[in-house]
Protein backbone atom coordinates (compact mmCIF):
# COMPACT_ATOMS: atom_id res chain seq x y z
CA UNK A 1 0.10 0.09 -0.05
CA UNK A 2 1.59 3.57 -1.09
CA UNK A 3 0.96 6.58 1.11
CA UNK A 4 -0.76 8.16 -2.06
CA UNK A 5 -3.33 5.55 -2.15
CA UNK A 6 -4.28 5.84 1.48
CA UNK A 7 -3.86 9.72 1.68
CA UNK A 8 -2.06 9.02 4.71
CA UNK A 9 -1.41 11.47 7.03
CA UNK A 10 1.81 9.72 8.28
CA UNK A 11 2.71 6.20 9.75
CA UNK A 12 1.50 6.15 13.33
CA UNK A 13 2.88 2.55 14.10
CA UNK A 14 5.16 0.31 12.51
CA UNK A 15 6.52 -3.13 12.58
CA UNK A 16 6.00 -5.41 15.69
CA UNK A 17 8.35 -7.38 18.21
CA UNK A 18 8.04 -10.44 16.70
CA UNK A 19 9.92 -10.65 13.15
CA UNK A 20 7.41 -13.08 11.91
CA UNK A 21 4.41 -10.54 11.52
CA UNK A 22 4.87 -6.91 10.74
CA UNK A 23 2.27 -4.28 11.34
CA UNK A 24 2.19 -1.03 9.45
CA UNK A 25 -0.43 1.60 10.18
CA UNK A 26 -1.51 4.98 8.78
CA UNK A 27 -4.13 7.27 9.37
CA UNK A 28 -5.77 9.12 6.58
CA UNK A 29 -6.58 12.68 6.62
CA UNK A 30 -10.23 11.57 7.03
CA UNK A 31 -9.30 9.72 10.40
CA UNK A 32 -9.65 6.22 8.75
CA UNK A 33 -6.82 3.71 10.49
CA UNK A 34 -5.29 2.00 7.71
CA UNK A 35 -3.63 -1.43 9.10
CA UNK A 36 -1.40 -3.90 6.90
CA UNK A 37 -0.67 -7.04 8.18
CA UNK A 38 2.33 -9.04 6.62
CA UNK A 39 3.14 -12.60 7.94
CA UNK A 40 1.30 -15.46 9.17
CA UNK A 41 -1.30 -14.61 11.69
CA UNK A 42 -1.68 -17.90 13.93
CA UNK A 43 -1.44 -18.69 17.60
CA UNK A 44 2.09 -17.80 17.88
CA UNK A 45 1.48 -13.83 16.25
CA UNK A 46 -2.44 -13.41 17.54
CA UNK A 47 -1.59 -11.98 20.56
CA UNK A 48 0.66 -9.62 19.27
CA UNK A 49 -1.16 -8.55 16.57
CA UNK A 50 -4.60 -8.16 18.81
CA UNK A 51 -2.62 -6.00 21.38
CA UNK A 52 -1.65 -3.99 18.59
CA UNK A 53 -5.13 -3.54 17.07
CA UNK A 54 -6.43 -2.61 20.47
CA UNK A 55 -3.56 0.04 20.77
CA UNK A 56 -4.50 1.45 17.64
CA UNK A 57 -8.32 1.54 18.64
CA UNK A 58 -7.62 3.44 21.63
CA UNK A 59 -7.00 6.23 19.19
CA UNK A 60 -10.65 6.28 18.23
CA UNK A 61 -10.29 6.05 14.30
CA UNK A 62 -13.26 7.15 12.38
CA UNK A 63 -13.05 3.74 10.45
CA UNK A 64 -10.78 0.83 10.39
CA UNK A 65 -9.22 -0.84 7.28
CA UNK A 66 -7.42 -3.90 7.91
CA UNK A 67 -5.32 -5.21 4.91
CA UNK A 68 -4.38 -8.58 4.79
CA UNK A 69 -2.67 -8.95 1.55
CA UNK A 70 0.18 -10.14 2.80
CA UNK A 71 -0.95 -12.89 5.05
CA UNK A 72 -0.58 -16.08 3.69
CA UNK A 73 -2.07 -18.02 6.61
CA UNK A 74 -4.73 -17.22 9.33
CA UNK A 75 -5.67 -19.98 11.78
CA UNK A 76 -8.46 -19.99 14.54
CA UNK A 77 -5.99 -17.39 16.43
CA UNK A 78 -6.38 -15.08 13.81
CA UNK A 79 -9.84 -15.47 13.42
CA UNK A 80 -10.37 -14.55 17.03
CA UNK A 81 -8.50 -11.45 16.66
CA UNK A 82 -10.51 -10.56 13.67
CA UNK A 83 -13.94 -11.10 15.81
CA UNK A 84 -12.66 -9.30 18.61
CA UNK A 85 -11.83 -6.37 16.31
CA UNK A 86 -14.97 -6.62 15.04
CA UNK A 87 -16.76 -6.60 18.69
CA UNK A 88 -14.98 -3.82 20.05
CA UNK A 89 -15.09 -1.68 17.18
CA UNK A 90 -18.67 -2.41 16.69
CA UNK A 91 -19.39 -1.24 20.43
CA UNK A 92 -17.25 1.95 19.80
CA UNK A 93 -19.41 2.41 16.75
CA UNK A 94 -16.24 2.17 14.43
CA UNK A 95 -16.61 0.58 10.89
CA UNK A 96 -14.04 -2.17 9.90
CA UNK A 97 -13.46 -3.18 6.50
CA UNK A 98 -11.10 -6.04 5.75
CA UNK A 99 -9.45 -6.20 2.41
CA UNK A 100 -7.50 -7.98 -0.23
CA UNK A 101 -7.28 -11.38 1.95
CA UNK A 102 -5.68 -14.18 0.05
CA UNK A 103 -7.40 -17.40 -0.79
CA UNK A 104 -6.12 -19.14 2.42
CA UNK A 105 -7.60 -16.90 4.43
CA UNK A 106 -10.49 -15.93 2.42
CA UNK A 107 -11.58 -19.76 2.67
CA UNK A 108 -10.96 -20.00 6.18
CA UNK A 109 -13.49 -16.97 6.53
CA UNK A 110 -16.28 -18.36 4.34
CA UNK A 111 -15.77 -21.82 6.04
CA UNK A 112 -16.85 -20.55 9.29
CA UNK A 113 -19.31 -17.86 7.99
CA UNK A 114 -17.42 -15.10 9.11
CA UNK A 115 -17.21 -13.68 5.48
CA UNK A 116 -20.69 -12.10 6.23
CA UNK A 117 -19.81 -10.54 9.30
CA UNK A 118 -17.25 -8.40 7.71
CA UNK A 119 -17.05 -5.92 5.02
CA UNK A 120 -14.65 -7.57 2.69
CA UNK A 121 -12.89 -5.54 -0.58
CA UNK A 122 -10.55 -6.57 -2.87
CA UNK A 123 -8.05 -3.50 -2.46
CA UNK A 124 -7.39 -0.69 0.12
CA UNK A 125 -8.74 1.99 -2.31
CA UNK A 126 -11.93 0.10 -2.75
CA UNK A 127 -12.25 -0.31 1.22
CA UNK A 128 -11.59 3.70 1.55
CA UNK A 129 -13.94 4.48 -0.64
CA UNK A 130 -16.66 1.74 0.06
CA UNK A 131 -17.59 1.29 -3.70
CA UNK A 132 -17.00 -2.54 -4.22
CA UNK A 133 -19.41 -4.98 -3.70
CA UNK A 134 -18.54 -5.90 -0.21
CA UNK A 135 -19.01 -9.16 1.15
CA UNK A 136 -18.13 -12.67 0.59
CA UNK A 137 -15.96 -13.27 -2.48
CA UNK A 138 -17.85 -16.50 -2.87
CA UNK A 139 -21.01 -14.68 -3.25
């Protein structure tokens, strides 16, 4: 994701303590938090991602766009992170949009029925605009 693509005001957080996962976040001028995750989201890395997302939600963004473009693998720990993010954001009236999940994570979201619980977009640009059909890529 390029800075121009997100109209970012600047990087808020970058990186993570565990080298197996990288979390990069920016805020757009409209106050949307765009977070890109790189690496596998599994039992070993999910706690760190959950903590980082909670820290970012403490900043009260207008919306959260979570890019999974560079997440080749997602397990039940990763699903738990997504569900917890959605619950907290919903309680705080913050929309969450997931974008660009690869085939593996997309299939897991579909098999668990969570694909209907999230607004899913093919790109960050589409998620920011909200103009592409959201929902299951299997629909």
